[in-house]
Protein backbone atom coordinates (compact mmCIF):
# COMPACT_ATOMS: atom_id res chain seq x y z
CA MET A 1 46.60 -160.80 -115.21
CA ASN A 2 43.08 -161.41 -113.69
CA GLY A 3 41.72 -158.26 -111.80
CA ILE A 4 43.01 -155.68 -114.12
CA ASP A 5 40.30 -153.26 -115.44
CA SER A 6 40.27 -150.69 -118.10
CA HIS A 7 39.83 -147.85 -115.86
CA GLN A 8 43.10 -148.78 -114.36
CA ILE A 9 44.90 -148.77 -117.69
CA LYS A 10 43.20 -145.53 -118.83
CA GLU A 11 44.52 -143.91 -115.76
CA VAL A 12 48.00 -144.97 -116.20
CA ILE A 13 47.72 -143.81 -119.88
CA ASN A 14 46.56 -140.52 -118.93
CA ASN A 15 49.34 -140.06 -116.38
CA PHE A 16 51.85 -140.87 -118.88
CA LEU A 17 50.54 -138.33 -121.42
CA GLN A 18 50.42 -135.57 -118.78
CA ALA A 19 54.08 -136.32 -117.76
CA GLN A 20 54.94 -136.17 -121.30
CA LEU A 21 53.20 -132.84 -121.79
CA SER A 22 54.69 -131.41 -118.57
CA LYS A 23 58.27 -131.87 -119.87
CA LYS A 24 57.47 -130.08 -123.19
CA LEU A 25 55.38 -127.32 -121.59
CA GLU A 26 58.01 -126.31 -118.91
CA PRO A 27 60.36 -124.24 -121.15
CA GLU A 28 57.22 -122.81 -123.11
CA GLN A 29 55.70 -121.63 -119.71
CA LYS A 30 59.01 -119.91 -118.85
CA ARG A 31 58.92 -118.22 -122.11
CA LEU A 32 55.35 -116.96 -121.69
CA ALA A 33 56.28 -115.67 -118.14
CA LYS A 34 59.30 -113.82 -119.51
CA ALA A 35 57.36 -112.35 -122.53
CA GLN A 36 54.55 -111.18 -120.03
CA ALA A 37 56.93 -109.65 -117.75
CA GLU A 38 58.66 -107.74 -120.58
CA ASN A 39 55.15 -106.73 -122.09
CA ASN A 40 55.95 -108.24 -125.32
CA PRO A 41 52.58 -109.14 -127.13
CA SER A 42 54.23 -110.86 -130.10
CA ALA A 43 56.43 -113.29 -127.90
CA THR A 44 53.40 -113.79 -125.64
CA HIS A 45 51.05 -114.75 -128.46
CA THR A 46 53.71 -117.15 -129.80
CA ALA A 47 54.25 -118.91 -126.67
CA ARG A 48 50.46 -119.20 -125.85
CA GLN A 49 50.05 -120.67 -129.36
CA LYS A 50 52.94 -123.14 -128.70
CA ILE A 51 51.32 -124.19 -125.46
CA SER A 52 47.94 -124.73 -127.19
CA ASP A 53 49.52 -126.82 -129.94
CA LEU A 54 51.44 -128.87 -127.34
CA LYS A 55 48.28 -129.63 -125.38
CA GLN A 56 46.54 -130.76 -128.50
CA GLN A 57 49.48 -132.78 -129.57
CA PHE A 58 49.48 -134.65 -126.34
CA SER A 59 45.88 -135.19 -126.10
CA LYS A 60 44.90 -138.85 -125.83
CA GLN A 61 43.11 -138.90 -129.17
CA GLN A 62 45.87 -137.26 -131.27
CA TRP A 63 48.89 -138.88 -129.68
CA LEU A 64 47.53 -142.47 -129.69
CA GLU A 65 46.61 -141.99 -133.29
CA LYS A 66 50.06 -140.85 -134.30
CA ALA A 67 51.59 -143.60 -131.91
CA ALA A 68 49.62 -146.32 -133.73
CA ASN A 69 49.85 -145.18 -137.32
CA SER A 70 53.22 -143.49 -137.50
CA PHE A 71 55.47 -144.16 -134.49
CA ALA A 72 54.71 -147.96 -134.64
CA GLU A 73 56.05 -148.07 -138.13
CA GLN A 74 59.19 -146.15 -137.30
CA LEU A 75 60.37 -148.31 -134.51
CA LYS A 76 62.08 -151.95 -134.38
CA PHE A 77 61.37 -153.55 -130.89
CA GLY A 78 63.33 -156.34 -129.50
CA THR A 79 65.31 -157.80 -126.69
CA HIS A 80 68.21 -158.42 -129.07
CA ILE A 81 69.35 -155.65 -131.19
CA SER A 82 70.82 -155.87 -134.66
CA LYS A 83 72.51 -152.63 -134.53
CA GLY A 84 74.46 -153.61 -131.44
CA ILE A 85 76.42 -155.75 -133.67
CA HIS A 86 77.08 -152.84 -136.11
CA PRO A 87 75.37 -149.32 -135.99
CA ASP A 88 74.78 -149.44 -139.73
CA SER A 89 73.05 -152.77 -139.69
CA LYS A 90 69.57 -152.72 -141.37
CA GLY A 91 68.81 -156.06 -139.79
CA ASP A 92 65.72 -156.84 -137.88
CA ASN A 93 65.65 -157.21 -134.02
CA VAL A 94 64.42 -160.18 -132.20
CA ASN A 95 62.06 -160.20 -129.28
CA PHE A 96 63.30 -163.28 -127.41
CA GLN A 97 60.83 -165.08 -125.27
CA THR A 98 61.16 -168.67 -124.08
CA THR A 99 60.38 -170.76 -120.84
CA ARG A 100 63.31 -173.18 -121.52
CA GLN A 101 65.80 -173.31 -118.59
CA LEU A 102 69.60 -173.11 -119.14
CA PRO A 103 71.87 -175.58 -117.56
CA GLU A 104 73.31 -174.67 -114.26
CA GLY A 105 76.30 -172.32 -114.43
CA LEU A 106 75.07 -170.52 -117.57
CA VAL A 107 73.35 -167.20 -117.70
CA GLY A 108 71.42 -165.83 -120.53
CA SER A 109 68.25 -163.84 -121.38
CA GLN A 110 66.39 -167.04 -120.31
CA SER A 111 67.60 -166.50 -116.78
CA LEU A 112 65.26 -163.30 -116.55
CA PRO A 113 61.70 -163.51 -115.67
CA LEU A 114 59.61 -162.43 -118.73
CA SER A 115 57.92 -159.97 -116.67
CA SER A 116 61.18 -158.10 -115.78
CA MET A 117 62.66 -158.51 -119.39
CA PRO A 118 63.05 -154.96 -120.58
CA LEU A 119 62.11 -154.20 -124.34
CA ASP A 120 64.54 -152.39 -126.31
CA ALA A 121 63.86 -150.27 -129.53
CA ASN A 122 65.51 -148.28 -132.18
CA GLY A 123 64.57 -146.34 -135.29
CA ASN A 124 63.44 -142.66 -135.50
CA SER A 125 64.45 -141.08 -132.22
CA ALA A 126 61.27 -138.90 -132.32
CA ALA A 127 59.28 -142.16 -132.08
CA LEU A 128 60.94 -143.51 -129.01
CA PRO A 129 58.25 -142.28 -126.67
CA LEU A 130 56.14 -145.15 -127.98
CA ALA A 131 58.73 -147.46 -126.43
CA ALA A 132 58.22 -145.87 -123.12
CA PHE A 133 54.44 -146.08 -123.53
CA LEU A 134 54.50 -149.69 -124.31
CA ASN A 135 56.80 -150.35 -121.21
CA LEU A 136 54.33 -148.62 -118.83
CA PRO A 137 53.76 -150.48 -115.63
CA ILE A 138 50.31 -151.55 -114.59
CA ASN A 139 49.78 -152.74 -111.06
CA ASN A 140 49.08 -156.40 -110.71
CA PRO A 141 46.08 -156.97 -108.14
CA GLU A 142 47.23 -160.49 -107.83
CA ASP A 143 50.63 -159.88 -106.78
CA PRO A 144 51.17 -156.18 -105.76
CA GLN A 145 55.00 -156.59 -105.45
CA THR A 146 55.18 -156.99 -109.28
CA ASP A 147 54.04 -154.93 -112.32
CA ILE A 148 52.60 -155.98 -115.54
CA LYS A 149 53.71 -154.23 -118.61
CA LEU A 150 51.21 -152.72 -121.01
CA ARG A 151 53.08 -154.51 -123.79
CA ASP A 152 52.31 -157.85 -122.07
CA LEU A 153 48.68 -156.98 -122.07
CA ILE A 154 48.80 -155.91 -125.73
CA MET A 155 50.43 -159.21 -126.66
CA ALA A 156 47.91 -161.18 -124.87
CA GLU A 157 45.06 -159.01 -126.22
CA HIS A 158 43.73 -158.70 -122.76
CA SER A 159 40.12 -158.02 -122.35
CA ALA A 160 40.77 -155.10 -120.15
CA LEU A 161 42.22 -153.27 -123.28
CA GLU A 162 38.78 -153.11 -124.90
CA ALA A 163 37.95 -149.33 -125.79
CA VAL A 164 41.02 -148.35 -123.83
CA PHE A 165 43.00 -146.53 -126.89
CA SER A 166 39.89 -144.74 -128.12
CA ASP A 167 36.17 -144.37 -127.18
CA ASN A 168 35.45 -146.06 -130.61
CA PRO A 169 35.80 -149.87 -129.99
CA GLU A 170 36.73 -150.56 -133.44
CA LEU A 171 39.46 -147.86 -133.52
CA SER A 172 40.92 -149.00 -130.17
CA LYS A 173 41.03 -152.49 -131.51
CA HIS A 174 42.86 -151.25 -134.63
CA TYR A 175 45.47 -149.45 -132.54
CA LEU A 176 45.85 -152.69 -130.40
CA GLN A 177 46.74 -154.47 -133.51
CA GLN A 178 49.09 -152.00 -134.81
CA PHE A 179 51.01 -151.93 -131.30
CA LYS A 180 51.03 -155.83 -131.22
CA GLN A 181 52.36 -156.05 -134.82
CA ALA A 182 55.04 -153.51 -133.92
CA LEU A 183 56.11 -155.50 -130.81
CA MET A 184 56.06 -158.63 -132.95
CA GLY A 185 58.03 -157.35 -135.78
CA ASN A 186 58.62 -159.54 -138.75
CA SER A 187 58.97 -162.80 -136.88
CA ASP A 188 58.21 -165.16 -139.86
CA LEU A 189 60.91 -163.84 -142.06
CA PRO A 190 63.33 -161.86 -140.03
CA ARG A 191 65.85 -159.95 -142.18
CA SER A 192 69.57 -160.09 -141.81
CA ASP A 193 72.30 -157.60 -143.01
CA GLY A 194 75.67 -158.02 -144.70
CA ARG A 195 77.00 -156.39 -141.68
CA ASN A 196 75.75 -158.76 -139.17
CA LYS A 197 78.04 -161.70 -138.17
CA GLN A 198 77.25 -165.31 -139.23
CA LEU A 199 78.20 -168.61 -137.53
CA LEU A 200 77.85 -171.87 -139.38
CA TRP A 201 77.02 -174.58 -136.76
CA PRO A 202 77.66 -178.04 -138.01
CA CYS A 203 74.68 -180.41 -137.60
CA SER A 204 76.63 -183.63 -138.18
CA GLU A 205 80.06 -185.05 -138.21
CA ASP A 206 80.30 -184.76 -141.95
CA ALA A 207 78.50 -181.49 -142.24
CA MET A 208 80.92 -180.13 -144.95
CA ILE A 209 79.94 -182.65 -147.74
CA PRO A 210 76.10 -182.00 -147.73
CA ASP A 211 76.34 -178.43 -146.40
CA ASN A 212 74.48 -179.47 -143.23
CA TYR A 213 74.81 -176.37 -141.21
CA LYS A 214 72.65 -174.24 -139.20
CA ASN A 215 73.32 -170.49 -139.87
CA LEU A 216 73.36 -168.61 -136.73
CA ILE A 217 73.25 -164.80 -136.60
CA PRO A 218 74.12 -163.51 -133.10
CA LEU A 219 72.63 -160.18 -132.06
CA HIS A 220 73.36 -157.81 -129.24
CA PRO A 221 71.32 -158.82 -126.12
CA SER A 222 70.73 -155.42 -124.92
CA ALA A 223 67.91 -156.28 -122.71
CA LEU A 224 69.98 -158.79 -120.57
CA LEU A 225 72.86 -156.17 -120.45
CA SER A 226 70.60 -153.40 -119.34
CA VAL A 227 69.39 -155.48 -116.37
CA PHE A 228 73.14 -156.59 -115.64
CA ARG A 229 74.16 -152.96 -115.58
CA ARG A 230 71.28 -151.98 -113.27
CA LYS A 231 71.98 -154.76 -110.86
CA LEU A 232 75.83 -153.99 -110.91
CA ASN A 233 75.09 -150.32 -110.21
CA GLN A 234 72.85 -151.40 -107.27
CA LEU A 235 75.59 -153.35 -105.73
CA ARG A 236 78.06 -150.58 -106.22
CA TYR A 237 76.04 -147.61 -105.27
CA SER A 238 73.42 -148.81 -102.67
CA PRO A 239 73.44 -146.81 -99.38
CA GLU A 240 74.97 -149.89 -97.49
CA ASN A 241 77.73 -150.29 -99.87
CA THR A 242 78.51 -146.49 -100.12
CA ALA A 243 78.56 -146.42 -96.21
CA GLY A 244 80.96 -149.45 -96.27
CA ARG A 245 83.39 -147.74 -98.71
CA LYS A 246 83.55 -144.66 -96.56
CA SER A 247 83.98 -146.58 -93.32
CA ARG A 248 87.43 -147.75 -94.47
CA PHE A 249 88.82 -144.45 -93.50
CA SER A 250 87.65 -145.00 -89.86
CA GLN A 251 89.97 -144.78 -87.10
CA THR A 252 89.22 -148.32 -85.71
CA ALA A 253 88.50 -151.55 -87.12
CA LYS A 254 85.41 -151.89 -85.26
CA GLU A 255 83.89 -148.88 -87.14
CA ARG A 256 84.64 -150.32 -90.55
CA GLN A 257 81.89 -152.17 -92.60
CA PRO A 258 82.08 -154.73 -95.22
CA TYR A 259 81.56 -153.52 -98.79
CA ILE A 260 81.54 -154.97 -102.31
CA SER A 261 84.23 -153.96 -104.74
CA ILE A 262 83.80 -155.08 -108.35
CA ASN A 263 86.95 -155.13 -110.23
CA GLU A 264 88.22 -156.07 -113.80
CA ILE A 265 85.16 -154.83 -115.62
CA ALA A 266 85.86 -152.98 -118.88
CA TYR A 267 83.34 -151.43 -121.19
CA LYS A 268 82.89 -150.88 -125.01
CA ASN A 269 81.23 -147.81 -126.38
CA LEU A 270 78.42 -148.50 -128.76
CA GLY A 271 77.04 -145.83 -131.17
CA GLY A 272 79.86 -143.31 -130.71
CA THR A 273 78.54 -139.85 -129.76
CA GLN A 274 75.07 -140.96 -130.65
CA PRO A 275 74.08 -144.13 -128.73
CA GLN A 276 70.48 -143.43 -129.31
CA ASN A 277 71.05 -144.58 -132.91
CA VAL A 278 71.78 -148.07 -131.62
CA SER A 279 68.87 -148.42 -129.36
CA GLN A 280 66.85 -146.86 -126.51
CA LEU A 281 68.43 -148.93 -123.83
CA THR A 282 71.85 -148.35 -125.11
CA SER A 283 71.24 -144.60 -125.10
CA ARG A 284 69.95 -144.84 -121.49
CA ASP A 285 73.31 -146.44 -120.52
CA ALA A 286 75.24 -143.59 -122.56
CA GLY A 287 76.45 -146.33 -125.03
CA ARG A 288 78.52 -148.10 -122.36
CA ASN A 289 78.44 -151.93 -122.86
CA LEU A 290 79.94 -153.46 -119.84
CA LEU A 291 82.50 -156.35 -120.39
CA LEU A 292 83.34 -158.98 -117.70
CA LEU A 293 86.76 -160.37 -117.57
CA SER A 294 87.45 -162.92 -120.35
CA VAL A 295 90.93 -164.58 -120.09
CA PRO A 296 92.27 -168.04 -121.09
CA PRO A 297 92.51 -170.32 -118.05
CA GLN A 298 95.82 -170.88 -116.47
CA ILE A 299 96.98 -174.41 -117.28
CA GLN A 300 99.57 -174.54 -114.45
CA GLU A 301 98.80 -172.48 -111.57
CA LYS A 302 101.81 -171.17 -109.75
CA ARG A 303 102.48 -172.87 -106.41
CA ALA A 304 101.49 -170.78 -103.61
CA LEU A 305 104.20 -169.19 -101.44
CA ARG A 306 104.83 -170.99 -98.09
CA ILE A 307 106.16 -168.64 -95.40
CA ASN A 308 108.57 -170.13 -93.10
CA LYS A 309 107.48 -169.40 -89.46
CA ARG A 310 111.02 -168.42 -88.32
CA SER A 311 111.45 -166.03 -91.31
CA THR A 312 111.45 -162.33 -90.65
CA SER A 313 110.67 -161.18 -94.07
CA ILE A 314 109.22 -162.64 -97.37
CA PHE A 315 111.86 -160.40 -99.22
CA ASP A 316 114.40 -163.11 -99.42
CA LYS A 317 115.98 -165.23 -102.09
CA ARG A 318 112.98 -167.38 -102.17
CA LEU A 319 110.82 -164.57 -103.45
CA ARG A 320 112.81 -164.41 -106.62
CA ALA A 321 111.45 -167.70 -107.72
CA TYR A 322 107.93 -166.35 -107.60
CA LEU A 323 108.78 -163.12 -109.29
CA LYS A 324 110.97 -164.92 -111.87
CA SER A 325 109.12 -163.73 -114.93
CA GLY A 326 109.33 -159.99 -114.21
CA LEU A 327 112.91 -160.30 -112.88
CA SER A 328 114.14 -162.05 -116.16
CA GLU A 329 112.88 -159.27 -118.18
CA LEU A 330 114.70 -156.80 -115.90
CA TYR A 331 117.89 -158.80 -116.12
CA GLN A 332 117.71 -158.58 -119.86
CA VAL A 333 117.56 -154.89 -119.80
CA VAL A 334 120.56 -154.67 -117.44
CA GLU A 335 122.44 -156.93 -119.89
CA ALA A 336 121.87 -154.73 -122.80
CA GLN A 337 123.59 -151.88 -121.02
CA LYS A 338 121.90 -149.19 -123.29
CA THR A 339 119.89 -146.15 -122.32
CA THR A 340 117.75 -145.90 -125.46
CA ALA A 341 113.93 -145.01 -125.38
CA PRO A 342 112.87 -148.60 -126.16
CA ILE A 343 115.26 -150.08 -123.35
CA ARG A 344 113.90 -147.46 -120.92
CA ASP A 345 110.29 -148.59 -121.81
CA GLN A 346 111.36 -152.15 -121.49
CA ARG A 347 112.87 -151.50 -117.96
CA ARG A 348 109.53 -149.72 -117.04
CA ARG A 349 107.39 -152.62 -118.19
CA ALA A 350 109.58 -155.11 -116.39
CA LEU A 351 109.27 -153.18 -113.05
CA ASP A 352 105.53 -152.99 -113.66
CA LYS A 353 105.42 -156.80 -114.14
CA ILE A 354 107.52 -157.36 -110.89
CA LEU A 355 105.12 -155.30 -108.81
CA PHE A 356 101.83 -156.74 -110.38
CA GLU A 357 103.28 -160.18 -109.62
CA LEU A 358 104.17 -159.18 -106.03
CA PHE A 359 100.80 -157.58 -105.34
CA THR A 360 98.95 -160.80 -106.73
CA LEU A 361 101.15 -162.83 -104.37
CA ALA A 362 100.23 -160.68 -101.52
CA LYS A 363 96.50 -161.00 -102.38
CA ALA A 364 96.86 -164.70 -102.67
CA ILE A 365 98.41 -164.88 -99.21
CA HIS A 366 95.34 -162.82 -97.90
CA GLY A 367 93.12 -165.76 -98.93
CA GLN A 368 95.61 -168.60 -98.26
CA TYR A 369 95.99 -168.33 -94.51
CA ASP A 370 93.58 -168.31 -91.82
CA LEU A 371 92.55 -165.02 -89.94
CA GLY A 372 95.48 -163.92 -87.58
CA TRP A 373 97.86 -166.46 -88.89
CA SER A 374 100.90 -164.08 -88.45
CA LYS A 375 100.67 -164.21 -84.59
CA ASP A 376 102.55 -167.55 -84.77
CA TYR A 377 105.19 -166.33 -87.23
CA ASN A 378 108.23 -164.21 -86.85
CA LEU A 379 107.56 -161.72 -89.67
CA ASN A 380 108.41 -158.12 -89.02
CA SER A 381 105.52 -156.05 -88.04
CA ALA A 382 105.04 -154.28 -91.40
CA GLU A 383 104.68 -157.30 -93.31
CA GLN A 384 102.27 -158.58 -90.62
CA TYR A 385 100.16 -155.54 -91.12
CA TRP A 386 100.40 -156.12 -94.90
CA LEU A 387 99.87 -159.82 -95.48
CA ASP A 388 97.44 -160.34 -92.35
CA PRO A 389 95.22 -157.34 -92.42
CA LYS A 390 91.98 -158.99 -91.17
CA ARG A 391 94.08 -159.97 -87.89
CA ALA A 392 92.86 -156.37 -86.81
CA GLU A 393 89.46 -157.61 -86.68
CA LEU A 394 90.03 -160.22 -84.13
CA GLU A 395 89.20 -159.70 -80.31
CA GLY A 396 92.43 -158.81 -78.21
CA GLU A 397 94.16 -157.36 -81.25
CA GLU A 398 93.35 -153.67 -80.82
CA ASN A 399 96.90 -152.76 -80.58
CA PHE A 400 97.63 -154.53 -83.94
CA ALA A 401 94.69 -152.63 -85.43
CA GLU A 402 95.78 -149.28 -83.94
CA GLN A 403 99.35 -149.58 -85.20
CA ARG A 404 98.06 -150.64 -88.58
CA GLU A 405 95.87 -147.60 -88.81
CA LYS A 406 98.97 -145.35 -88.67
CA THR A 407 100.06 -146.66 -92.17
CA ASP A 408 103.72 -146.01 -91.53
CA TRP A 409 104.33 -149.65 -92.37
CA ILE A 410 103.39 -149.08 -96.07
CA GLU A 411 106.56 -146.82 -96.39
CA ASP A 412 108.60 -149.69 -94.71
CA ILE A 413 107.19 -152.23 -97.33
CA ALA A 414 108.29 -149.85 -100.14
CA ARG A 415 111.65 -149.65 -98.43
CA ARG A 416 112.09 -153.39 -98.09
CA PHE A 417 111.10 -154.01 -101.69
CA SER A 418 113.46 -151.53 -103.01
CA GLN A 419 116.36 -152.99 -100.95
CA TRP A 420 115.46 -156.45 -101.96
CA LEU A 421 115.43 -155.55 -105.74
CA ASN A 422 118.77 -153.94 -105.43
CA ARG A 423 120.16 -157.15 -103.77
CA SER A 424 118.69 -159.28 -106.37
CA LEU A 425 120.52 -157.25 -109.11
CA GLN A 426 123.84 -157.15 -107.30
CA ASP A 427 123.58 -161.04 -106.79
CA GLN A 428 122.78 -161.50 -110.49
CA PHE A 429 125.49 -159.03 -111.78
CA PRO A 430 128.40 -159.02 -109.41
CA ASP A 431 130.64 -157.36 -111.72
CA LEU A 432 128.01 -154.40 -111.83
CA LYS A 433 127.06 -154.21 -108.17
CA ASP A 434 128.28 -150.65 -107.84
CA GLN A 435 125.88 -149.50 -110.24
CA PHE A 436 122.85 -150.54 -108.12
CA ALA A 437 123.36 -147.83 -105.48
CA ASP A 438 121.31 -144.93 -104.08
CA GLN A 439 120.02 -143.66 -107.62
CA GLU A 440 118.52 -147.11 -108.49
CA PHE A 441 117.15 -147.49 -104.96
CA ASP A 442 115.42 -144.10 -105.30
CA GLU A 443 113.92 -145.24 -108.58
CA TRP A 444 112.53 -148.52 -107.28
CA HIS A 445 111.33 -146.76 -104.08
CA LYS A 446 109.45 -144.18 -106.20
CA THR A 447 107.84 -146.64 -108.49
CA ILE A 448 106.50 -149.00 -105.87
CA ARG A 449 105.18 -145.91 -103.88
CA ASN A 450 103.37 -144.73 -106.92
CA THR A 451 102.09 -148.22 -107.58
CA ILE A 452 100.75 -148.57 -104.05
CA LYS A 453 98.99 -145.22 -104.33
CA ALA A 454 97.43 -146.40 -107.58
CA SER A 455 96.08 -149.72 -106.05
CA GLN A 456 94.72 -147.66 -102.99
CA ARG A 457 92.76 -145.44 -105.53
CA ARG A 458 91.43 -148.65 -107.14
CA GLU A 459 90.45 -149.99 -103.79
CA GLU A 460 92.04 -153.32 -104.64
CA GLY A 461 92.25 -154.19 -100.99
CA ILE A 462 95.95 -154.90 -100.95
CA PHE A 463 96.95 -151.80 -98.86
CA LEU A 464 93.70 -150.68 -97.32
């Protein structure tokens, strides 16, 4: 932090106050211009008075006095927010700072450099501009690539802050202590709330007898999640990634560019229609808390499908073993021989499961075989286009790429699946084989076509 001077900080503060004033003045200046155009003395006087009041309100002396003596008491700062666990929690926030490193493979707030850790705040929404004020970036003369936050200088009681907040050195020092206390919070005796969760962590093997537990109270890591969301959006919507996504519609494989597609992410809304009640960073993200995929591990992974080099199609009897789970459910529906609403729903779920397993298998084949593997196999052309898509990128495979671009093969895949499913049902129920005719074929065909279109809209890469 060496090299930072008070003039630099004062300039940053003045620019911040001017920006805040400009946002408030804009609607009032429009009202003034309208009143003058309409020759309305009363409205003109009211607008001018409002503009004058705003200029006084955002003067450095008045705004900093209110910020230090009022706003600082109305906000709770922290990197971990109590209201993120429950919006009605009255518990304290925690400003987490540590230099301890996490073991390899684990990610947490410790993974972020302290200089890039955002600071969250909640409380009276009218006082939230103080949070933006404390997060003001100050250029670092020692490292122009990184900024130092005003709050970091306040926490360190940096010498450059002397007489920065007021021309009166004593008053400026008082404001400094008010801001620092607000940033620190009640760190000695943090308060919990009945709506906060508690975890009792045993400190010994026989912890139950002497009550030897640590009481852990998890808080919402809003600072870490805000950085995660920002990085995710940078990956998704960067100019390079956007261009790559658009290039998938190019006519030739050479014009296509690689791009990142991030799947299996959900989000949970925090704060309902008023996320600002949870925290400032939550409000900035519209209350969306991103959730990564969390599923139990598969104890027994399904054996990969080995394609016979002489086989002309994967839609054969061997495929039934790989889609056994969904097929079994569909067989149960057929055995019921009913047309009630629950049976129809069960039939639809079984078919969805079969298609999910089929698409999962196709995706596994994409990664299981080397680029261009289908050249040495007898698979029909449609299934080659489907299961070996990157062959189109190889030199000398221009004809393959051109034919694959036509996308007629997708309709052929849908037809082959429908025929295979009908044959599977006929073999399973030979006495009912006449029931699996054109009507059933049309239903399977329609369902897989709709599922393929949904997969393409989600850009899952199976039919792109």
